[in-house]
PDB file of N, CA and C in Angstrom:
ATOM      1  N   MET A   1      44.423  21.347 -37.078  1.00  0.00           N
ATOM      2  CA  MET A   1      44.610  20.266 -36.114  1.00  0.00           C
ATOM      3  C   MET A   1      46.013  19.674 -36.349  1.00  0.00           C
ATOM      4  N   PRO A   2      46.795  19.513 -35.289  1.00  0.00           N
ATOM      5  CA  PRO A   2      48.132  18.909 -35.425  1.00  0.00           C
ATOM      6  C   PRO A   2      48.038  17.477 -35.966  1.00  0.00           C
ATOM      7  N   VAL A   3      49.088  17.076 -36.672  1.00  0.00           N
ATOM      8  CA  VAL A   3      49.073  15.771 -37.334  1.00  0.00           C
ATOM      9  C   VAL A   3      48.878  14.623 -36.347  1.00  0.00           C
ATOM     10  N   ASN A   4      49.444  14.717 -35.149  1.00  0.00           N
ATOM     11  CA  ASN A   4      49.263  13.622 -34.195  1.00  0.00           C
ATOM     12  C   ASN A   4      47.796  13.470 -33.795  1.00  0.00           C
ATOM     13  N   GLU A   5      47.079  14.577 -33.684  1.00  0.00           N
ATOM     14  CA  GLU A   5      45.652  14.505 -33.365  1.00  0.00           C
ATOM     15  C   GLU A   5      44.856  13.955 -34.549  1.00  0.00           C
ATOM     16  N   GLU A   6      45.253  14.337 -35.752  1.00  0.00           N
ATOM     17  CA  GLU A   6      44.584  13.814 -36.948  1.00  0.00           C
ATOM     18  C   GLU A   6      44.749  12.293 -37.044  1.00  0.00           C
ATOM     19  N   VAL A   7      45.942  11.820 -36.732  1.00  0.00           N
ATOM     20  CA  VAL A   7      46.218  10.380 -36.763  1.00  0.00           C
ATOM     21  C   VAL A   7      45.366   9.661 -35.725  1.00  0.00           C
ATOM     22  N   LEU A   8      45.296  10.213 -34.516  1.00  0.00           N
ATOM     23  CA  LEU A   8      44.479   9.584 -33.464  1.00  0.00           C
ATOM     24  C   LEU A   8      43.008   9.526 -33.861  1.00  0.00           C
ATOM     25  N   VAL A   9      42.501  10.596 -34.445  1.00  0.00           N
ATOM     26  CA  VAL A   9      41.101  10.612 -34.891  1.00  0.00           C
ATOM     27  C   VAL A   9      40.884   9.543 -35.958  1.00  0.00           C
ATOM     28  N   ALA A  10      41.796   9.462 -36.920  1.00  0.00           N
ATOM     29  CA  ALA A  10      41.656   8.459 -37.988  1.00  0.00           C
ATOM     30  C   ALA A  10      41.680   7.039 -37.440  1.00  0.00           C
ATOM     31  N   LEU A  11      42.606   6.776 -36.528  1.00  0.00           N
ATOM     32  CA  LEU A  11      42.706   5.431 -35.950  1.00  0.00           C
ATOM     33  C   LEU A  11      41.488   5.085 -35.106  1.00  0.00           C
ATOM     34  N   ASN A  12      41.079   6.011 -34.262  1.00  0.00           N
ATOM     35  CA  ASN A  12      39.921   5.745 -33.397  1.00  0.00           C
ATOM     36  C   ASN A  12      38.643   5.567 -34.203  1.00  0.00           C
ATOM     37  N   THR A  13      38.493   6.333 -35.272  1.00  0.00           N
ATOM     38  CA  THR A  13      37.317   6.198 -36.127  1.00  0.00           C
ATOM     39  C   THR A  13      37.287   4.824 -36.791  1.00  0.00           C
ATOM     40  N   ALA A  14      38.415   4.412 -37.329  1.00  0.00           N
ATOM     41  CA  ALA A  14      38.483   3.098 -37.990  1.00  0.00           C
ATOM     42  C   ALA A  14      38.275   1.972 -36.994  1.00  0.00           C
ATOM     43  N   PHE A  15      38.871   2.101 -35.822  1.00  0.00           N
ATOM     44  CA  PHE A  15      38.804   1.045 -34.817  1.00  0.00           C
ATOM     45  C   PHE A  15      37.412   0.942 -34.199  1.00  0.00           C
ATOM     46  N   ALA A  16      36.707   2.066 -34.103  1.00  0.00           N
ATOM     47  CA  ALA A  16      35.369   2.066 -33.507  1.00  0.00           C
ATOM     48  C   ALA A  16      34.409   1.192 -34.307  1.00  0.00           C
ATOM     49  N   GLY A  17      34.623   1.079 -35.591  1.00  0.00           N
ATOM     50  CA  GLY A  17      33.745   0.275 -36.433  1.00  0.00           C
ATOM     51  C   GLY A  17      34.078  -1.208 -36.424  1.00  0.00           C
ATOM     52  N   GLN A  18      35.157  -1.574 -35.769  1.00  0.00           N
ATOM     53  CA  GLN A  18      35.581  -2.976 -35.747  1.00  0.00           C
ATOM     54  C   GLN A  18      34.724  -3.755 -34.744  1.00  0.00           C
ATOM     55  N   ARG A  19      34.125  -4.814 -35.214  1.00  0.00           N
ATOM     56  CA  ARG A  19      33.274  -5.641 -34.344  1.00  0.00           C
ATOM     57  C   ARG A  19      33.953  -6.980 -34.076  1.00  0.00           C
ATOM     58  N   GLY A  20      33.601  -7.591 -32.979  1.00  0.00           N
ATOM     59  CA  GLY A  20      34.068  -8.930 -32.691  1.00  0.00           C
ATOM     60  C   GLY A  20      35.517  -9.028 -32.265  1.00  0.00           C
ATOM     61  N   VAL A  21      36.087  -7.929 -31.751  1.00  0.00           N
ATOM     62  CA  VAL A  21      37.490  -7.930 -31.344  1.00  0.00           C
ATOM     63  C   VAL A  21      37.781  -9.053 -30.350  1.00  0.00           C
ATOM     64  N   LYS A  22      36.880  -9.270 -29.429  1.00  0.00           N
ATOM     65  CA  LYS A  22      37.120 -10.284 -28.401  1.00  0.00           C
ATOM     66  C   LYS A  22      37.039 -11.714 -28.943  1.00  0.00           C
ATOM     67  N   ARG A  23      36.550 -11.869 -30.158  1.00  0.00           N
ATOM     68  CA  ARG A  23      36.478 -13.214 -30.746  1.00  0.00           C
ATOM     69  C   ARG A  23      37.593 -13.475 -31.754  1.00  0.00           C
ATOM     70  N   TRP A  24      38.516 -12.537 -31.878  1.00  0.00           N
ATOM     71  CA  TRP A  24      39.616 -12.726 -32.815  1.00  0.00           C
ATOM     72  C   TRP A  24      40.467 -13.915 -32.425  1.00  0.00           C
ATOM     73  N   LYS A  25      40.990 -14.575 -33.423  1.00  0.00           N
ATOM     74  CA  LYS A  25      41.941 -15.652 -33.185  1.00  0.00           C
ATOM     75  C   LYS A  25      43.317 -15.019 -32.998  1.00  0.00           C
ATOM     76  N   PRO A  26      44.286 -15.767 -32.472  1.00  0.00           N
ATOM     77  CA  PRO A  26      45.586 -15.174 -32.125  1.00  0.00           C
ATOM     78  C   PRO A  26      46.229 -14.278 -33.188  1.00  0.00           C
ATOM     79  N   GLY A  27      46.302 -14.669 -34.430  1.00  0.00           N
ATOM     80  CA  GLY A  27      46.977 -13.852 -35.433  1.00  0.00           C
ATOM     81  C   GLY A  27      46.159 -12.709 -35.981  1.00  0.00           C
ATOM     82  N   GLN A  28      44.851 -12.731 -35.764  1.00  0.00           N
ATOM     83  CA  GLN A  28      43.979 -11.727 -36.356  1.00  0.00           C
ATOM     84  C   GLN A  28      44.238 -10.325 -35.821  1.00  0.00           C
ATOM     85  N   MET A  29      44.536 -10.190 -34.538  1.00  0.00           N
ATOM     86  CA  MET A  29      44.773  -8.869 -33.964  1.00  0.00           C
ATOM     87  C   MET A  29      46.005  -8.228 -34.606  1.00  0.00           C
ATOM     88  N   MET A  30      47.063  -8.986 -34.721  1.00  0.00           N
ATOM     89  CA  MET A  30      48.297  -8.475 -35.335  1.00  0.00           C
ATOM     90  C   MET A  30      48.033  -8.066 -36.782  1.00  0.00           C
ATOM     91  N   ASP A  31      47.354  -8.923 -37.531  1.00  0.00           N
ATOM     92  CA  ASP A  31      47.067  -8.629 -38.937  1.00  0.00           C
ATOM     93  C   ASP A  31      46.197  -7.384 -39.080  1.00  0.00           C
ATOM     94  N   TYR A  32      45.152  -7.291 -38.254  1.00  0.00           N
ATOM     95  CA  TYR A  32      44.256  -6.148 -38.334  1.00  0.00           C
ATOM     96  C   TYR A  32      44.990  -4.847 -38.017  1.00  0.00           C
ATOM     97  N   LEU A  33      45.751  -4.841 -36.928  1.00  0.00           N
ATOM     98  CA  LEU A  33      46.457  -3.622 -36.534  1.00  0.00           C
ATOM     99  C   LEU A  33      47.502  -3.228 -37.569  1.00  0.00           C
ATOM    100  N   ARG A  34      48.217  -4.205 -38.104  1.00  0.00           N
ATOM    101  CA  ARG A  34      49.205  -3.906 -39.143  1.00  0.00           C
ATOM    102  C   ARG A  34      48.515  -3.249 -40.336  1.00  0.00           C
ATOM    103  N   ASP A  35      47.404  -3.821 -40.782  1.00  0.00           N
ATOM    104  CA  ASP A  35      46.671  -3.252 -41.916  1.00  0.00           C
ATOM    105  C   ASP A  35      46.148  -1.849 -41.605  1.00  0.00           C
ATOM    106  N   LEU A  36      45.629  -1.672 -40.399  1.00  0.00           N
ATOM    107  CA  LEU A  36      45.104  -0.372 -39.985  1.00  0.00           C
ATOM    108  C   LEU A  36      46.215   0.676 -39.979  1.00  0.00           C
ATOM    109  N   PHE A  37      47.360   0.347 -39.392  1.00  0.00           N
ATOM    110  CA  PHE A  37      48.471   1.291 -39.326  1.00  0.00           C
ATOM    111  C   PHE A  37      49.016   1.601 -40.718  1.00  0.00           C
ATOM    112  N   MET A  38      49.103   0.598 -41.575  1.00  0.00           N
ATOM    113  CA  MET A  38      49.607   0.822 -42.932  1.00  0.00           C
ATOM    114  C   MET A  38      48.665   1.750 -43.712  1.00  0.00           C
ATOM    115  N   GLN A  39      47.364   1.581 -43.512  1.00  0.00           N
ATOM    116  CA  GLN A  39      46.395   2.443 -44.195  1.00  0.00           C
ATOM    117  C   GLN A  39      46.567   3.890 -43.745  1.00  0.00           C
ATOM    118  N   VAL A  40      46.771   4.098 -42.454  1.00  0.00           N
ATOM    119  CA  VAL A  40      46.975   5.461 -41.946  1.00  0.00           C
ATOM    120  C   VAL A  40      48.250   6.062 -42.533  1.00  0.00           C
ATOM    121  N   LEU A  41      49.308   5.268 -42.614  1.00  0.00           N
ATOM    122  CA  LEU A  41      50.557   5.773 -43.186  1.00  0.00           C
ATOM    123  C   LEU A  41      50.364   6.163 -44.648  1.00  0.00           C
ATOM    124  N   GLU A  42      49.601   5.373 -45.386  1.00  0.00           N
ATOM    125  CA  GLU A  42      49.306   5.718 -46.780  1.00  0.00           C
ATOM    126  C   GLU A  42      48.472   7.000 -46.864  1.00  0.00           C
ATOM    127  N   ASP A  43      47.459   7.098 -46.003  1.00  0.00           N
ATOM    128  CA  ASP A  43      46.568   8.259 -46.032  1.00  0.00           C
ATOM    129  C   ASP A  43      47.313   9.557 -45.732  1.00  0.00           C
ATOM    130  N   PHE A  44      48.300   9.490 -44.858  1.00  0.00           N
ATOM    131  CA  PHE A  44      49.032  10.689 -44.462  1.00  0.00           C
ATOM    132  C   PHE A  44      50.278  10.939 -45.315  1.00  0.00           C
ATOM    133  N   LYS A  45      50.501  10.124 -46.328  1.00  0.00           N
ATOM    134  CA  LYS A  45      51.621  10.306 -47.254  1.00  0.00           C
ATOM    135  C   LYS A  45      52.923  10.594 -46.501  1.00  0.00           C
ATOM    136  N   VAL A  46      53.264   9.679 -45.608  1.00  0.00           N
ATOM    137  CA  VAL A  46      54.374   9.907 -44.681  1.00  0.00           C
ATOM    138  C   VAL A  46      55.731  10.060 -45.355  1.00  0.00           C
ATOM    139  N   LYS A  47      55.912   9.498 -46.528  1.00  0.00           N
ATOM    140  CA  LYS A  47      57.218   9.608 -47.209  1.00  0.00           C
ATOM    141  C   LYS A  47      57.568  11.065 -47.510  1.00  0.00           C
ATOM    142  N   ASP A  48      56.561  11.903 -47.672  1.00  0.00           N
ATOM    143  CA  ASP A  48      56.779  13.306 -48.025  1.00  0.00           C
ATOM    144  C   ASP A  48      56.926  14.224 -46.811  1.00  0.00           C
ATOM    145  N   LEU A  49      56.849  13.677 -45.612  1.00  0.00           N
ATOM    146  CA  LEU A  49      56.840  14.498 -44.400  1.00  0.00           C
ATOM    147  C   LEU A  49      58.224  14.602 -43.772  1.00  0.00           C
ATOM    148  N   PRO A  50      58.485  15.706 -43.055  1.00  0.00           N
ATOM    149  CA  PRO A  50      59.760  15.840 -42.348  1.00  0.00           C
ATOM    150  C   PRO A  50      59.881  14.821 -41.210  1.00  0.00           C
ATOM    151  N   ASP A  51      61.111  14.588 -40.778  1.00  0.00           N
ATOM    152  CA  ASP A  51      61.382  13.596 -39.729  1.00  0.00           C
ATOM    153  C   ASP A  51      60.553  13.824 -38.466  1.00  0.00           C
ATOM    154  N   GLU A  52      60.466  15.076 -38.008  1.00  0.00           N
ATOM    155  CA  GLU A  52      59.754  15.334 -36.753  1.00  0.00           C
ATOM    156  C   GLU A  52      58.267  15.015 -36.871  1.00  0.00           C
ATOM    157  N   VAL A  53      57.697  15.219 -38.038  1.00  0.00           N
ATOM    158  CA  VAL A  53      56.274  14.901 -38.239  1.00  0.00           C
ATOM    159  C   VAL A  53      56.090  13.381 -38.288  1.00  0.00           C
ATOM    160  N   ARG A  54      57.005  12.677 -38.940  1.00  0.00           N
ATOM    161  CA  ARG A  54      56.921  11.211 -38.953  1.00  0.00           C
ATOM    162  C   ARG A  54      57.040  10.658 -37.536  1.00  0.00           C
ATOM    163  N   GLN A  55      57.876  11.275 -36.701  1.00  0.00           N
ATOM    164  CA  GLN A  55      57.991  10.851 -35.306  1.00  0.00           C
ATOM    165  C   GLN A  55      56.690  11.115 -34.559  1.00  0.00           C
ATOM    166  N   GLN A  56      56.044  12.238 -34.831  1.00  0.00           N
ATOM    167  CA  GLN A  56      54.750  12.541 -34.208  1.00  0.00           C
ATOM    168  C   GLN A  56      53.701  11.502 -34.599  1.00  0.00           C
ATOM    169  N   ILE A  57      53.731  11.073 -35.843  1.00  0.00           N
ATOM    170  CA  ILE A  57      52.790  10.043 -36.298  1.00  0.00           C
ATOM    171  C   ILE A  57      53.054   8.742 -35.559  1.00  0.00           C
ATOM    172  N   PHE A  58      54.314   8.365 -35.440  1.00  0.00           N
ATOM    173  CA  PHE A  58      54.662   7.152 -34.686  1.00  0.00           C
ATOM    174  C   PHE A  58      54.166   7.264 -33.243  1.00  0.00           C
ATOM    175  N   ASP A  59      54.403   8.412 -32.611  1.00  0.00           N
ATOM    176  CA  ASP A  59      53.970   8.625 -31.220  1.00  0.00           C
ATOM    177  C   ASP A  59      52.447   8.555 -31.093  1.00  0.00           C
ATOM    178  N   ALA A  60      51.736   9.080 -32.089  1.00  0.00           N
ATOM    179  CA  ALA A  60      50.265   9.021 -32.061  1.00  0.00           C
ATOM    180  C   ALA A  60      49.777   7.582 -32.180  1.00  0.00           C
ATOM    181  N   ILE A  61      50.429   6.798 -33.027  1.00  0.00           N
ATOM    182  CA  ILE A  61      50.049   5.390 -33.157  1.00  0.00           C
ATOM    183  C   ILE A  61      50.311   4.655 -31.842  1.00  0.00           C
ATOM    184  N   LYS A  62      51.413   4.971 -31.179  1.00  0.00           N
ATOM    185  CA  LYS A  62      51.727   4.354 -29.870  1.00  0.00           C
ATOM    186  C   LYS A  62      50.661   4.740 -28.838  1.00  0.00           C
ATOM    187  N   THR A  63      50.258   6.004 -28.844  1.00  0.00           N
ATOM    188  CA  THR A  63      49.205   6.455 -27.926  1.00  0.00           C
ATOM    189  C   THR A  63      47.905   5.701 -28.194  1.00  0.00           C
ATOM    190  N   PHE A  64      47.552   5.573 -29.460  1.00  0.00           N
ATOM    191  CA  PHE A  64      46.356   4.815 -29.825  1.00  0.00           C
ATOM    192  C   PHE A  64      46.458   3.381 -29.300  1.00  0.00           C
ATOM    193  N   TYR A  65      47.596   2.753 -29.519  1.00  0.00           N
ATOM    194  CA  TYR A  65      47.779   1.371 -29.069  1.00  0.00           C
ATOM    195  C   TYR A  65      47.587   1.281 -27.549  1.00  0.00           C
ATOM    196  N   ASP A  66      48.209   2.198 -26.825  1.00  0.00           N
ATOM    197  CA  ASP A  66      48.137   2.164 -25.353  1.00  0.00           C
ATOM    198  C   ASP A  66      46.735   2.445 -24.822  1.00  0.00           C
ATOM    199  N   THR A  67      46.000   3.323 -25.486  1.00  0.00           N
ATOM    200  CA  THR A  67      44.692   3.726 -24.957  1.00  0.00           C
ATOM    201  C   THR A  67      43.513   2.945 -25.523  1.00  0.00           C
ATOM    202  N   SER A  68      43.686   2.333 -26.686  1.00  0.00           N
ATOM    203  CA  SER A  68      42.557   1.645 -27.311  1.00  0.00           C
ATOM    204  C   SER A  68      42.749   0.141 -27.468  1.00  0.00           C
ATOM    205  N   VAL A  69      43.983  -0.303 -27.606  1.00  0.00           N
ATOM    206  CA  VAL A  69      44.225  -1.721 -27.842  1.00  0.00           C
ATOM    207  C   VAL A  69      44.585  -2.444 -26.554  1.00  0.00           C
ATOM    208  N   ARG A  70      45.462  -1.873 -25.764  1.00  0.00           N
ATOM    209  CA  ARG A  70      45.884  -2.542 -24.518  1.00  0.00           C
ATOM    210  C   ARG A  70      44.719  -2.816 -23.562  1.00  0.00           C
ATOM    211  N   ILE A  71      43.680  -2.038 -23.650  1.00  0.00           N
ATOM    212  CA  ILE A  71      42.562  -2.211 -22.719  1.00  0.00           C
ATOM    213  C   ILE A  71      41.670  -3.396 -23.071  1.00  0.00           C
ATOM    214  N   ILE A  72      41.885  -3.960 -24.263  1.00  0.00           N
ATOM    215  CA  ILE A  72      41.070  -5.104 -24.698  1.00  0.00           C
ATOM    216  C   ILE A  72      41.529  -6.359 -23.963  1.00  0.00           C
ATOM    217  N   ASP A  73      40.588  -7.056 -23.386  1.00  0.00           N
ATOM    218  CA  ASP A  73      40.897  -8.342 -22.768  1.00  0.00           C
ATOM    219  C   ASP A  73      40.997  -9.382 -23.878  1.00  0.00           C
ATOM    220  N   ILE A  74      42.160  -9.999 -23.992  1.00  0.00           N
ATOM    221  CA  ILE A  74      42.348 -11.011 -25.025  1.00  0.00           C
ATOM    222  C   ILE A  74      41.915 -12.353 -24.437  1.00  0.00           C
ATOM    223  N   PRO A  75      40.801 -12.908 -24.900  1.00  0.00           N
ATOM    224  CA  PRO A  75      40.219 -14.083 -24.251  1.00  0.00           C
ATOM    225  C   PRO A  75      41.088 -15.339 -24.308  1.00  0.00           C
ATOM    226  N   TRP A  76      41.902 -15.498 -25.299  1.00  0.00           N
ATOM    227  CA  TRP A  76      42.698 -16.708 -25.441  1.00  0.00           C
ATOM    228  C   TRP A  76      44.042 -16.604 -24.741  1.00  0.00           C
ATOM    229  N   VAL A  77      44.270 -15.484 -23.997  1.00  0.00           N
ATOM    230  CA  VAL A  77      45.537 -15.280 -23.281  1.00  0.00           C
ATOM    231  C   VAL A  77      45.241 -15.166 -21.790  1.00  0.00           C
ATOM    232  N   PRO A  78      45.895 -15.997 -20.971  1.00  0.00           N
ATOM    233  CA  PRO A  78      45.700 -15.876 -19.524  1.00  0.00           C
ATOM    234  C   PRO A  78      46.111 -14.481 -19.039  1.00  0.00           C
ATOM    235  N   GLU A  79      45.359 -13.945 -18.104  1.00  0.00           N
ATOM    236  CA  GLU A  79      45.583 -12.584 -17.610  1.00  0.00           C
ATOM    237  C   GLU A  79      47.012 -12.365 -17.113  1.00  0.00           C
ATOM    238  N   ILE A  80      47.594 -13.382 -16.544  1.00  0.00           N
ATOM    239  CA  ILE A  80      48.929 -13.249 -15.959  1.00  0.00           C
ATOM    240  C   ILE A  80      50.009 -12.956 -17.008  1.00  0.00           C
ATOM    241  N   VAL A  81      49.779 -13.356 -18.260  1.00  0.00           N
ATOM    242  CA  VAL A  81      50.768 -13.111 -19.319  1.00  0.00           C
ATOM    243  C   VAL A  81      50.276 -12.114 -20.376  1.00  0.00           C
ATOM    244  N   GLU A  82      49.102 -11.575 -20.174  1.00  0.00           N
ATOM    245  CA  GLU A  82      48.523 -10.694 -21.186  1.00  0.00           C
ATOM    246  C   GLU A  82      49.399  -9.472 -21.475  1.00  0.00           C
ATOM    247  N   SER A  83      49.953  -8.850 -20.454  1.00  0.00           N
ATOM    248  CA  SER A  83      50.783  -7.667 -20.689  1.00  0.00           C
ATOM    249  C   SER A  83      52.047  -8.016 -21.472  1.00  0.00           C
ATOM    250  N   VAL A  84      52.571  -9.221 -21.268  1.00  0.00           N
ATOM    251  CA  VAL A  84      53.741  -9.659 -22.025  1.00  0.00           C
ATOM    252  C   VAL A  84      53.378  -9.793 -23.505  1.00  0.00           C
ATOM    253  N   ILE A  85      52.220 -10.377 -23.786  1.00  0.00           N
ATOM    254  CA  ILE A  85      51.755 -10.529 -25.165  1.00  0.00           C
ATOM    255  C   ILE A  85      51.507  -9.160 -25.793  1.00  0.00           C
ATOM    256  N   GLU A  86      50.888  -8.254 -25.035  1.00  0.00           N
ATOM    257  CA  GLU A  86      50.621  -6.910 -25.554  1.00  0.00           C
ATOM    258  C   GLU A  86      51.922  -6.174 -25.858  1.00  0.00           C
ATOM    259  N   ASP A  87      52.929  -6.321 -24.995  1.00  0.00           N
ATOM    260  CA  ASP A  87      54.238  -5.705 -25.257  1.00  0.00           C
ATOM    261  C   ASP A  87      54.880  -6.304 -26.496  1.00  0.00           C
ATOM    262  N   TRP A  88      54.807  -7.620 -26.629  1.00  0.00           N
ATOM    263  CA  TRP A  88      55.385  -8.281 -27.794  1.00  0.00           C
ATOM    264  C   TRP A  88      54.697  -7.795 -29.074  1.00  0.00           C
ATOM    265  N   LEU A  89      53.379  -7.713 -29.019  1.00  0.00           N
ATOM    266  CA  LEU A  89      52.613  -7.258 -30.175  1.00  0.00           C
ATOM    267  C   LEU A  89      53.028  -5.844 -30.571  1.00  0.00           C
ATOM    268  N   TRP A  90      53.100  -4.950 -29.576  1.00  0.00           N
ATOM    269  CA  TRP A  90      53.500  -3.572 -29.883  1.00  0.00           C
ATOM    270  C   TRP A  90      54.922  -3.534 -30.447  1.00  0.00           C
ATOM    271  N   ASN A  91      55.851  -4.256 -29.843  1.00  0.00           N
ATOM    272  CA  ASN A  91      57.235  -4.231 -30.315  1.00  0.00           C
ATOM    273  C   ASN A  91      57.350  -4.718 -31.756  1.00  0.00           C
ATOM    274  N   ALA A  92      56.596  -5.744 -32.103  1.00  0.00           N
ATOM    275  CA  ALA A  92      56.612  -6.244 -33.479  1.00  0.00           C
ATOM    276  C   ALA A  92      56.043  -5.194 -34.440  1.00  0.00           C
ATOM    277  N   LEU A  93      54.942  -4.581 -34.066  1.00  0.00           N
ATOM    278  CA  LEU A  93      54.346  -3.542 -34.908  1.00  0.00           C
ATOM    279  C   LEU A  93      55.246  -2.307 -34.989  1.00  0.00           C
ATOM    280  N   ALA A  94      55.847  -1.931 -33.865  1.00  0.00           N
ATOM    281  CA  ALA A  94      56.702  -0.739 -33.824  1.00  0.00           C
ATOM    282  C   ALA A  94      57.924  -0.903 -34.721  1.00  0.00           C
ATOM    283  N   ARG A  95      58.472  -2.099 -34.758  1.00  0.00           N
ATOM    284  CA  ARG A  95      59.622  -2.360 -35.632  1.00  0.00           C
ATOM    285  C   ARG A  95      59.258  -2.090 -37.093  1.00  0.00           C
ATOM    286  N   GLU A  96      58.110  -2.594 -37.504  1.00  0.00           N
ATOM    287  CA  GLU A  96      57.648  -2.370 -38.880  1.00  0.00           C
ATOM    288  C   GLU A  96      57.361  -0.891 -39.144  1.00  0.00           C
ATOM    289  N   LEU A  97      56.709  -0.243 -38.171  1.00  0.00           N
ATOM    290  CA  LEU A  97      56.367   1.171 -38.335  1.00  0.00           C
ATOM    291  C   LEU A  97      57.622   2.031 -38.471  1.00  0.00           C
ATOM    292  N   ARG A  98      58.623   1.766 -37.646  1.00  0.00           N
ATOM    293  CA  ARG A  98      59.867   2.548 -37.719  1.00  0.00           C
ATOM    294  C   ARG A  98      60.515   2.428 -39.098  1.00  0.00           C
ATOM    295  N   LYS A  99      60.496   1.221 -39.643  1.00  0.00           N
ATOM    296  CA  LYS A  99      61.067   1.031 -40.986  1.00  0.00           C
ATOM    297  C   LYS A  99      60.265   1.804 -42.025  1.00  0.00           C
ATOM    298  N   LEU A 100      58.953   1.681 -41.967  1.00  0.00           N
ATOM    299  CA  LEU A 100      58.105   2.360 -42.944  1.00  0.00           C
ATOM    300  C   LEU A 100      58.183   3.877 -42.825  1.00  0.00           C
ATOM    301  N   LEU A 101      58.333   4.351 -41.600  1.00  0.00           N
ATOM    302  CA  LEU A 101      58.437   5.790 -41.365  1.00  0.00           C
ATOM    303  C   LEU A 101      59.869   6.290 -41.527  1.00  0.00           C
ATOM    304  N   GLU A 102      60.768   5.357 -41.780  1.00  0.00           N
ATOM    305  CA  GLU A 102      62.201   5.670 -41.936  1.00  0.00           C
ATOM    306  C   GLU A 102      62.731   6.412 -40.718  1.00  0.00           C
ATOM    307  N   LEU A 103      62.432   5.873 -39.538  1.00  0.00           N
ATOM    308  CA  LEU A 103      62.887   6.471 -38.281  1.00  0.00           C
ATOM    309  C   LEU A 103      64.129   5.763 -37.742  1.00  0.00           C
ATOM    310  N   GLU A 104      64.623   4.792 -38.464  1.00  0.00           N
ATOM    311  CA  GLU A 104      65.801   4.049 -37.981  1.00  0.00           C
ATOM    312  C   GLU A 104      67.058   4.596 -38.586  1.00  0.00           C
TER     313      GLU A 104
END
């Protein structure tokens, strides 16, 4: 199985067990996703991987975010600004991921 598919399976499996997503307080989503992504990076020993594989891992995490996280209705955010918040959240997480994956 290609590494990007392995990453998606790992993320979806971990996320499927998460309960109460809609009751999270504002900072909890960011904290949870950061912890989840960091655990996946540790599990896949990304420091030892070639650049193209690290990029595939980043792309898989982005796919997971777009298909599993963006679809969540955030109850404390008005619908009209929800996509802005989701973009901000992804950009903040992506900045950290790029540094950890040494893609910068």
